[in-house]
N, C-alpha and C. Protein backbone atom coordinates (compact mmCIF):
# COMPACT_ATOMS: atom_id res chain seq x y z
N UNK A 1 -42.92 7.36 -10.70
CA UNK A 1 -42.10 7.46 -9.50
C UNK A 1 -40.95 6.44 -9.53
N UNK A 2 -41.26 5.21 -9.95
CA UNK A 2 -40.25 4.16 -10.01
C UNK A 2 -39.16 4.53 -11.02
N UNK A 3 -39.55 5.06 -12.18
CA UNK A 3 -38.59 5.43 -13.22
C UNK A 3 -37.68 6.55 -12.73
N UNK A 4 -38.24 7.49 -12.00
CA UNK A 4 -37.45 8.61 -11.50
C UNK A 4 -36.40 8.10 -10.49
N UNK A 5 -36.81 7.22 -9.60
CA UNK A 5 -35.89 6.65 -8.61
C UNK A 5 -34.80 5.84 -9.31
N UNK A 6 -35.18 5.07 -10.33
CA UNK A 6 -34.23 4.28 -11.10
C UNK A 6 -33.22 5.19 -11.80
N UNK A 7 -33.71 6.27 -12.38
CA UNK A 7 -32.84 7.22 -13.08
C UNK A 7 -31.86 7.88 -12.11
N UNK A 8 -32.32 8.28 -10.95
CA UNK A 8 -31.45 8.90 -9.94
C UNK A 8 -30.38 7.91 -9.49
N UNK A 9 -30.75 6.66 -9.27
CA UNK A 9 -29.79 5.63 -8.86
C UNK A 9 -28.74 5.41 -9.95
N UNK A 10 -29.19 5.31 -11.20
CA UNK A 10 -28.27 5.09 -12.31
C UNK A 10 -27.31 6.26 -12.46
N UNK A 11 -27.81 7.48 -12.34
CA UNK A 11 -26.94 8.65 -12.44
C UNK A 11 -25.93 8.71 -11.30
N UNK A 12 -26.36 8.32 -10.11
CA UNK A 12 -25.46 8.31 -8.96
C UNK A 12 -24.32 7.32 -9.18
N UNK A 13 -24.64 6.16 -9.71
CA UNK A 13 -23.61 5.14 -9.97
C UNK A 13 -22.64 5.64 -11.03
N UNK A 14 -23.16 6.24 -12.09
CA UNK A 14 -22.29 6.77 -13.14
C UNK A 14 -21.38 7.87 -12.60
N UNK A 15 -21.91 8.71 -11.74
CA UNK A 15 -21.11 9.78 -11.15
C UNK A 15 -20.00 9.20 -10.28
N UNK A 16 -20.32 8.18 -9.50
CA UNK A 16 -19.34 7.52 -8.66
C UNK A 16 -18.23 6.90 -9.50
N UNK A 17 -18.60 6.24 -10.58
CA UNK A 17 -17.61 5.63 -11.47
C UNK A 17 -16.75 6.71 -12.12
N UNK A 18 -17.37 7.78 -12.54
CA UNK A 18 -16.63 8.87 -13.18
C UNK A 18 -15.60 9.47 -12.22
N UNK A 19 -15.98 9.65 -10.96
CA UNK A 19 -15.04 10.19 -9.97
C UNK A 19 -13.88 9.24 -9.76
N UNK A 20 -14.18 7.95 -9.69
CA UNK A 20 -13.14 6.95 -9.50
C UNK A 20 -12.16 6.96 -10.67
N UNK A 21 -12.67 7.03 -11.91
CA UNK A 21 -11.81 7.09 -13.08
C UNK A 21 -10.95 8.34 -13.06
N UNK A 22 -11.49 9.44 -12.60
CA UNK A 22 -10.75 10.69 -12.54
C UNK A 22 -9.54 10.53 -11.62
N UNK A 23 -9.70 9.88 -10.48
CA UNK A 23 -8.58 9.66 -9.58
C UNK A 23 -7.51 8.81 -10.26
N UNK A 24 -7.93 7.76 -10.96
CA UNK A 24 -6.97 6.91 -11.68
C UNK A 24 -6.24 7.73 -12.74
N UNK A 25 -6.97 8.60 -13.42
CA UNK A 25 -6.37 9.41 -14.48
C UNK A 25 -5.35 10.40 -13.92
N UNK A 26 -5.51 10.82 -12.69
CA UNK A 26 -4.60 11.78 -12.06
C UNK A 26 -3.31 11.14 -11.57
N UNK A 27 -3.33 9.84 -11.33
CA UNK A 27 -2.15 9.16 -10.78
C UNK A 27 -0.99 9.16 -11.77
N UNK A 28 0.22 9.44 -11.30
CA UNK A 28 1.39 9.24 -12.15
C UNK A 28 1.51 7.75 -12.51
N UNK A 29 1.99 7.48 -13.69
CA UNK A 29 2.07 6.11 -14.20
C UNK A 29 2.78 5.12 -13.27
N UNK A 30 3.95 5.48 -12.68
CA UNK A 30 4.61 4.51 -11.78
C UNK A 30 3.75 4.14 -10.56
N UNK A 31 2.97 5.08 -10.08
CA UNK A 31 2.12 4.81 -8.92
C UNK A 31 0.95 3.92 -9.33
N UNK A 32 0.33 4.20 -10.47
CA UNK A 32 -0.78 3.35 -10.91
C UNK A 32 -0.28 1.93 -11.20
N UNK A 33 0.93 1.79 -11.74
CA UNK A 33 1.51 0.47 -11.97
C UNK A 33 1.73 -0.26 -10.65
N UNK A 34 2.24 0.44 -9.64
CA UNK A 34 2.43 -0.14 -8.32
C UNK A 34 1.11 -0.66 -7.76
N UNK A 35 0.08 0.15 -7.87
CA UNK A 35 -1.23 -0.23 -7.33
C UNK A 35 -1.81 -1.43 -8.08
N UNK A 36 -1.75 -1.41 -9.40
CA UNK A 36 -2.32 -2.54 -10.15
C UNK A 36 -1.51 -3.81 -9.94
N UNK A 37 -0.22 -3.68 -9.61
CA UNK A 37 0.60 -4.85 -9.33
C UNK A 37 0.25 -5.48 -7.99
N UNK A 38 0.14 -4.66 -6.95
CA UNK A 38 -0.05 -5.19 -5.60
C UNK A 38 -1.49 -5.14 -5.10
N UNK A 39 -2.31 -4.33 -5.72
CA UNK A 39 -3.72 -4.23 -5.34
C UNK A 39 -4.60 -4.27 -6.59
N UNK A 40 -4.51 -5.36 -7.37
CA UNK A 40 -5.29 -5.43 -8.61
C UNK A 40 -6.79 -5.37 -8.32
N UNK A 41 -7.51 -4.80 -9.24
CA UNK A 41 -8.97 -4.68 -9.15
C UNK A 41 -9.44 -3.86 -7.95
N UNK A 42 -8.56 -3.02 -7.42
CA UNK A 42 -8.93 -2.17 -6.30
C UNK A 42 -9.26 -0.76 -6.80
N UNK A 43 -10.18 -0.13 -6.10
CA UNK A 43 -10.49 1.26 -6.40
C UNK A 43 -9.69 2.18 -5.51
N UNK A 44 -9.72 3.44 -5.84
CA UNK A 44 -9.03 4.46 -5.06
C UNK A 44 -10.08 5.37 -4.43
N UNK A 45 -9.98 5.56 -3.13
CA UNK A 45 -10.94 6.45 -2.48
C UNK A 45 -10.39 7.86 -2.32
N UNK A 46 -9.05 8.01 -2.37
CA UNK A 46 -8.48 9.34 -2.21
C UNK A 46 -7.09 9.38 -2.83
N UNK A 47 -6.76 10.51 -3.42
CA UNK A 47 -5.43 10.74 -3.98
C UNK A 47 -5.12 12.23 -3.88
N UNK A 48 -3.91 12.54 -3.41
CA UNK A 48 -3.48 13.93 -3.42
C UNK A 48 -1.96 13.99 -3.50
N UNK A 49 -1.48 15.12 -3.99
CA UNK A 49 -0.05 15.38 -4.09
C UNK A 49 0.22 16.68 -3.35
N UNK A 50 1.16 16.62 -2.42
CA UNK A 50 1.56 17.80 -1.66
C UNK A 50 3.08 17.81 -1.53
N UNK A 51 3.71 18.90 -1.94
CA UNK A 51 5.15 19.07 -1.79
C UNK A 51 5.94 17.87 -2.34
N UNK A 52 5.57 17.43 -3.54
CA UNK A 52 6.24 16.30 -4.20
C UNK A 52 6.13 14.99 -3.44
N UNK A 53 5.12 14.86 -2.61
CA UNK A 53 4.81 13.61 -1.94
C UNK A 53 3.40 13.23 -2.36
N UNK A 54 3.22 11.96 -2.69
CA UNK A 54 1.95 11.48 -3.22
C UNK A 54 1.29 10.55 -2.20
N UNK A 55 0.01 10.83 -1.92
CA UNK A 55 -0.76 10.06 -0.95
C UNK A 55 -1.92 9.39 -1.68
N UNK A 56 -2.05 8.08 -1.49
CA UNK A 56 -3.13 7.33 -2.14
C UNK A 56 -3.79 6.45 -1.09
N UNK A 57 -5.10 6.43 -1.10
CA UNK A 57 -5.87 5.54 -0.20
C UNK A 57 -6.64 4.57 -1.09
N UNK A 58 -6.38 3.28 -0.90
CA UNK A 58 -7.09 2.23 -1.60
C UNK A 58 -8.44 2.04 -0.90
N UNK A 59 -9.50 1.87 -1.68
CA UNK A 59 -10.82 1.64 -1.09
C UNK A 59 -10.78 0.40 -0.20
N UNK A 60 -11.24 0.57 1.03
CA UNK A 60 -11.28 -0.52 2.01
C UNK A 60 -9.93 -1.22 2.17
N UNK A 61 -8.85 -0.45 2.11
CA UNK A 61 -7.54 -1.08 2.21
C UNK A 61 -6.45 -0.11 2.63
N UNK A 62 -5.33 -0.29 2.02
CA UNK A 62 -4.09 0.37 2.42
C UNK A 62 -4.05 1.86 2.09
N UNK A 63 -3.22 2.55 2.87
CA UNK A 63 -2.82 3.93 2.59
C UNK A 63 -1.38 3.87 2.11
N UNK A 64 -1.09 4.54 1.01
CA UNK A 64 0.23 4.49 0.39
C UNK A 64 0.82 5.89 0.30
N UNK A 65 2.13 5.99 0.50
CA UNK A 65 2.83 7.27 0.36
C UNK A 65 4.03 7.02 -0.56
N UNK A 66 4.20 7.93 -1.53
CA UNK A 66 5.30 7.86 -2.49
C UNK A 66 6.07 9.17 -2.48
N UNK A 67 7.38 9.09 -2.72
CA UNK A 67 8.19 10.31 -2.76
C UNK A 67 8.19 10.92 -4.17
N UNK A 68 9.00 11.93 -4.37
CA UNK A 68 9.03 12.64 -5.65
C UNK A 68 9.54 11.78 -6.80
N UNK A 69 10.22 10.67 -6.49
CA UNK A 69 10.69 9.73 -7.51
C UNK A 69 9.71 8.59 -7.72
N UNK A 70 8.55 8.69 -7.08
CA UNK A 70 7.49 7.67 -7.13
C UNK A 70 7.88 6.36 -6.46
N UNK A 71 8.86 6.41 -5.56
CA UNK A 71 9.22 5.24 -4.77
C UNK A 71 8.34 5.22 -3.53
N UNK A 72 7.92 4.04 -3.12
CA UNK A 72 7.07 3.95 -1.93
C UNK A 72 7.90 4.32 -0.71
N UNK A 73 7.30 5.07 0.20
CA UNK A 73 7.97 5.42 1.45
C UNK A 73 7.21 4.87 2.64
N UNK A 74 5.90 4.66 2.47
CA UNK A 74 5.10 4.12 3.58
C UNK A 74 3.87 3.42 3.03
N UNK A 75 3.59 2.27 3.62
CA UNK A 75 2.38 1.54 3.30
C UNK A 75 1.77 1.11 4.63
N UNK A 76 0.54 1.48 4.85
CA UNK A 76 -0.18 1.07 6.05
C UNK A 76 -1.39 0.28 5.57
N UNK A 77 -1.44 -0.99 5.94
CA UNK A 77 -2.54 -1.85 5.51
C UNK A 77 -3.87 -1.48 6.13
N UNK A 78 -3.87 -0.64 7.15
CA UNK A 78 -5.11 -0.23 7.84
C UNK A 78 -5.92 -1.44 8.28
N UNK A 79 -5.22 -2.41 8.88
CA UNK A 79 -5.89 -3.60 9.39
C UNK A 79 -6.01 -4.73 8.38
N UNK A 80 -5.63 -4.47 7.13
CA UNK A 80 -5.67 -5.49 6.08
C UNK A 80 -4.22 -5.82 5.73
N UNK A 81 -3.84 -7.11 5.71
CA UNK A 81 -2.44 -7.45 5.40
C UNK A 81 -2.02 -6.94 4.02
N UNK A 82 -0.77 -6.51 3.95
CA UNK A 82 -0.16 -6.10 2.69
C UNK A 82 0.16 -7.39 1.92
N UNK A 83 -0.13 -7.44 0.63
CA UNK A 83 0.10 -8.68 -0.13
C UNK A 83 1.53 -9.19 -0.01
N UNK A 84 1.68 -10.50 0.17
CA UNK A 84 3.00 -11.11 0.34
C UNK A 84 3.88 -10.91 -0.89
N UNK A 85 3.29 -10.80 -2.05
CA UNK A 85 4.05 -10.60 -3.28
C UNK A 85 4.83 -9.28 -3.23
N UNK A 86 4.37 -8.34 -2.43
CA UNK A 86 5.06 -7.06 -2.26
C UNK A 86 6.47 -7.30 -1.73
N UNK A 87 6.61 -8.11 -0.68
CA UNK A 87 7.94 -8.39 -0.11
C UNK A 87 8.77 -9.17 -1.12
N UNK A 88 8.18 -10.14 -1.77
CA UNK A 88 8.88 -10.97 -2.74
C UNK A 88 9.47 -10.11 -3.86
N UNK A 89 8.69 -9.19 -4.40
CA UNK A 89 9.13 -8.35 -5.52
C UNK A 89 10.04 -7.21 -5.10
N UNK A 90 9.68 -6.51 -4.03
CA UNK A 90 10.38 -5.29 -3.65
C UNK A 90 11.60 -5.53 -2.77
N UNK A 91 11.58 -6.61 -1.99
CA UNK A 91 12.66 -6.85 -1.03
C UNK A 91 13.03 -8.33 -1.01
N UNK A 92 13.64 -8.84 -2.07
CA UNK A 92 13.91 -10.28 -2.15
C UNK A 92 14.80 -10.81 -1.01
N UNK A 93 15.76 -10.01 -0.55
CA UNK A 93 16.62 -10.48 0.55
C UNK A 93 15.80 -10.67 1.83
N UNK A 94 14.89 -9.76 2.09
CA UNK A 94 14.04 -9.88 3.27
C UNK A 94 13.10 -11.07 3.10
N UNK A 95 12.58 -11.26 1.91
CA UNK A 95 11.70 -12.41 1.65
C UNK A 95 12.44 -13.72 1.93
N UNK A 96 13.68 -13.84 1.47
CA UNK A 96 14.47 -15.05 1.71
C UNK A 96 14.72 -15.25 3.20
N UNK A 97 14.99 -14.16 3.90
CA UNK A 97 15.20 -14.22 5.35
C UNK A 97 13.95 -14.76 6.05
N UNK A 98 12.80 -14.22 5.70
CA UNK A 98 11.54 -14.65 6.31
C UNK A 98 11.23 -16.12 5.98
N UNK A 99 11.44 -16.48 4.75
CA UNK A 99 11.14 -17.84 4.30
C UNK A 99 12.05 -18.85 5.00
N UNK A 100 13.34 -18.53 5.13
CA UNK A 100 14.30 -19.44 5.77
C UNK A 100 13.96 -19.66 7.24
N UNK A 101 13.35 -18.69 7.87
CA UNK A 101 13.01 -18.80 9.30
C UNK A 101 11.54 -19.16 9.52
N UNK A 102 10.84 -19.41 8.42
CA UNK A 102 9.43 -19.77 8.47
C UNK A 102 8.60 -18.75 9.24
N UNK A 103 8.93 -17.49 9.04
CA UNK A 103 8.17 -16.40 9.65
C UNK A 103 7.02 -16.05 8.71
N UNK A 104 5.83 -16.39 9.12
CA UNK A 104 4.68 -16.29 8.21
C UNK A 104 3.63 -15.28 8.66
N UNK A 105 3.94 -14.45 9.62
CA UNK A 105 2.97 -13.44 10.07
C UNK A 105 2.63 -12.49 8.92
N UNK A 106 1.47 -11.90 9.00
CA UNK A 106 1.04 -10.95 7.98
C UNK A 106 1.76 -9.62 8.15
N UNK A 107 2.18 -9.06 7.03
CA UNK A 107 2.78 -7.73 7.01
C UNK A 107 1.65 -6.71 7.07
N UNK A 108 1.71 -5.81 8.05
CA UNK A 108 0.66 -4.83 8.24
C UNK A 108 1.10 -3.40 7.89
N UNK A 109 2.40 -3.13 8.00
CA UNK A 109 2.89 -1.78 7.73
C UNK A 109 4.34 -1.85 7.26
N UNK A 110 4.70 -0.98 6.32
CA UNK A 110 6.07 -0.92 5.82
C UNK A 110 6.49 0.53 5.70
N UNK A 111 7.72 0.81 6.17
CA UNK A 111 8.28 2.16 6.07
C UNK A 111 9.64 2.05 5.41
N UNK A 112 9.82 2.83 4.35
CA UNK A 112 11.07 2.86 3.62
C UNK A 112 11.76 4.18 3.93
N UNK A 113 12.66 4.14 4.90
CA UNK A 113 13.37 5.34 5.34
C UNK A 113 14.72 5.42 4.63
N UNK A 114 15.38 6.56 4.69
CA UNK A 114 16.65 6.69 3.96
C UNK A 114 17.70 5.64 4.31
N UNK A 115 17.79 5.25 5.57
CA UNK A 115 18.85 4.32 5.99
C UNK A 115 18.36 2.90 6.25
N UNK A 116 17.04 2.73 6.41
CA UNK A 116 16.53 1.40 6.73
C UNK A 116 15.09 1.22 6.25
N UNK A 117 14.68 -0.02 6.26
CA UNK A 117 13.29 -0.38 5.98
C UNK A 117 12.77 -1.04 7.25
N UNK A 118 11.61 -0.60 7.71
CA UNK A 118 11.01 -1.18 8.90
C UNK A 118 9.68 -1.80 8.49
N UNK A 119 9.56 -3.10 8.77
CA UNK A 119 8.34 -3.83 8.46
C UNK A 119 7.68 -4.26 9.76
N UNK A 120 6.41 -3.95 9.90
CA UNK A 120 5.66 -4.35 11.08
C UNK A 120 4.70 -5.47 10.70
N UNK A 121 4.91 -6.60 11.31
CA UNK A 121 4.06 -7.77 11.09
C UNK A 121 3.08 -7.87 12.26
N UNK A 122 2.19 -8.84 12.22
CA UNK A 122 1.19 -8.95 13.28
C UNK A 122 1.82 -9.25 14.64
N UNK A 123 2.96 -9.94 14.69
CA UNK A 123 3.52 -10.27 16.00
C UNK A 123 5.02 -9.99 16.13
N UNK A 124 5.62 -9.27 15.20
CA UNK A 124 7.01 -8.85 15.35
C UNK A 124 7.31 -7.73 14.36
N UNK A 125 8.47 -7.11 14.57
CA UNK A 125 8.97 -6.08 13.66
C UNK A 125 10.29 -6.54 13.08
N UNK A 126 10.57 -6.06 11.89
CA UNK A 126 11.82 -6.39 11.22
C UNK A 126 12.44 -5.09 10.73
N UNK A 127 13.74 -4.98 10.90
CA UNK A 127 14.46 -3.80 10.42
C UNK A 127 15.56 -4.27 9.47
N UNK A 128 15.60 -3.69 8.28
CA UNK A 128 16.63 -3.97 7.29
C UNK A 128 17.50 -2.74 7.17
N UNK A 129 18.79 -2.87 7.46
CA UNK A 129 19.75 -1.77 7.39
C UNK A 129 20.31 -1.74 5.96
N UNK A 130 20.01 -0.70 5.22
CA UNK A 130 20.40 -0.62 3.81
C UNK A 130 21.91 -0.63 3.60
N UNK A 131 22.67 0.10 4.44
CA UNK A 131 24.12 0.19 4.27
C UNK A 131 24.82 -1.15 4.42
N UNK A 132 24.41 -1.92 5.40
CA UNK A 132 25.11 -3.17 5.71
C UNK A 132 24.39 -4.42 5.21
N UNK A 133 23.10 -4.30 4.94
CA UNK A 133 22.31 -5.48 4.55
C UNK A 133 21.89 -6.32 5.74
N UNK A 134 22.17 -5.84 6.95
CA UNK A 134 21.78 -6.59 8.16
C UNK A 134 20.27 -6.56 8.34
N UNK A 135 19.77 -7.64 8.89
CA UNK A 135 18.34 -7.75 9.20
C UNK A 135 18.21 -8.10 10.67
N UNK A 136 17.37 -7.35 11.36
CA UNK A 136 17.12 -7.58 12.79
C UNK A 136 15.62 -7.76 12.99
N UNK A 137 15.27 -8.68 13.86
CA UNK A 137 13.86 -8.84 14.21
C UNK A 137 13.67 -8.48 15.68
N UNK A 138 12.53 -7.91 15.97
CA UNK A 138 12.16 -7.53 17.32
C UNK A 138 10.84 -8.19 17.62
N UNK A 139 10.76 -8.84 18.76
CA UNK A 139 9.55 -9.60 19.06
C UNK A 139 8.55 -8.85 19.90
N UNK A 140 8.82 -7.59 20.24
CA UNK A 140 7.85 -6.84 21.02
C UNK A 140 6.61 -6.63 20.18
N UNK A 141 5.51 -6.49 20.84
CA UNK A 141 4.23 -6.23 20.15
C UNK A 141 4.30 -4.86 19.49
N UNK A 142 3.83 -4.76 18.24
CA UNK A 142 3.79 -3.44 17.60
C UNK A 142 2.88 -2.50 18.38
N UNK A 143 3.21 -1.20 18.32
CA UNK A 143 2.39 -0.19 18.98
C UNK A 143 1.00 -0.21 18.38
N UNK A 144 0.01 0.03 19.22
CA UNK A 144 -1.37 0.04 18.73
C UNK A 144 -1.68 1.35 18.06
């Protein structure tokens, strides 16, 4: 009885690992590079592609959306802060702005829209206007 239970447990673990590897194998290379850069050692709980838009859910973490060019369009930390290195690498001007003003709140959500980038932190929002390079901060509480 013990051997049978052990065998079932071992097979279940192998199946779980195999499914996880399959999701990684399905990811386009630029997306897997993005994930390993900002979420190293993380697993993927869900991945799908619909109408040239790619949706990825990190296990116990962020939900990511990429466009047909594999550029990120939305990141929702789902209650877990987005790594600070993301802002440093992807948006150096915004990182310098935050650093100069000693704004250290955790980034919880990022949206990359055609004309602007909107970042939602724990206690303020920031908007970066792509055309002009202007940065605006809003101190209202983010919507729940």
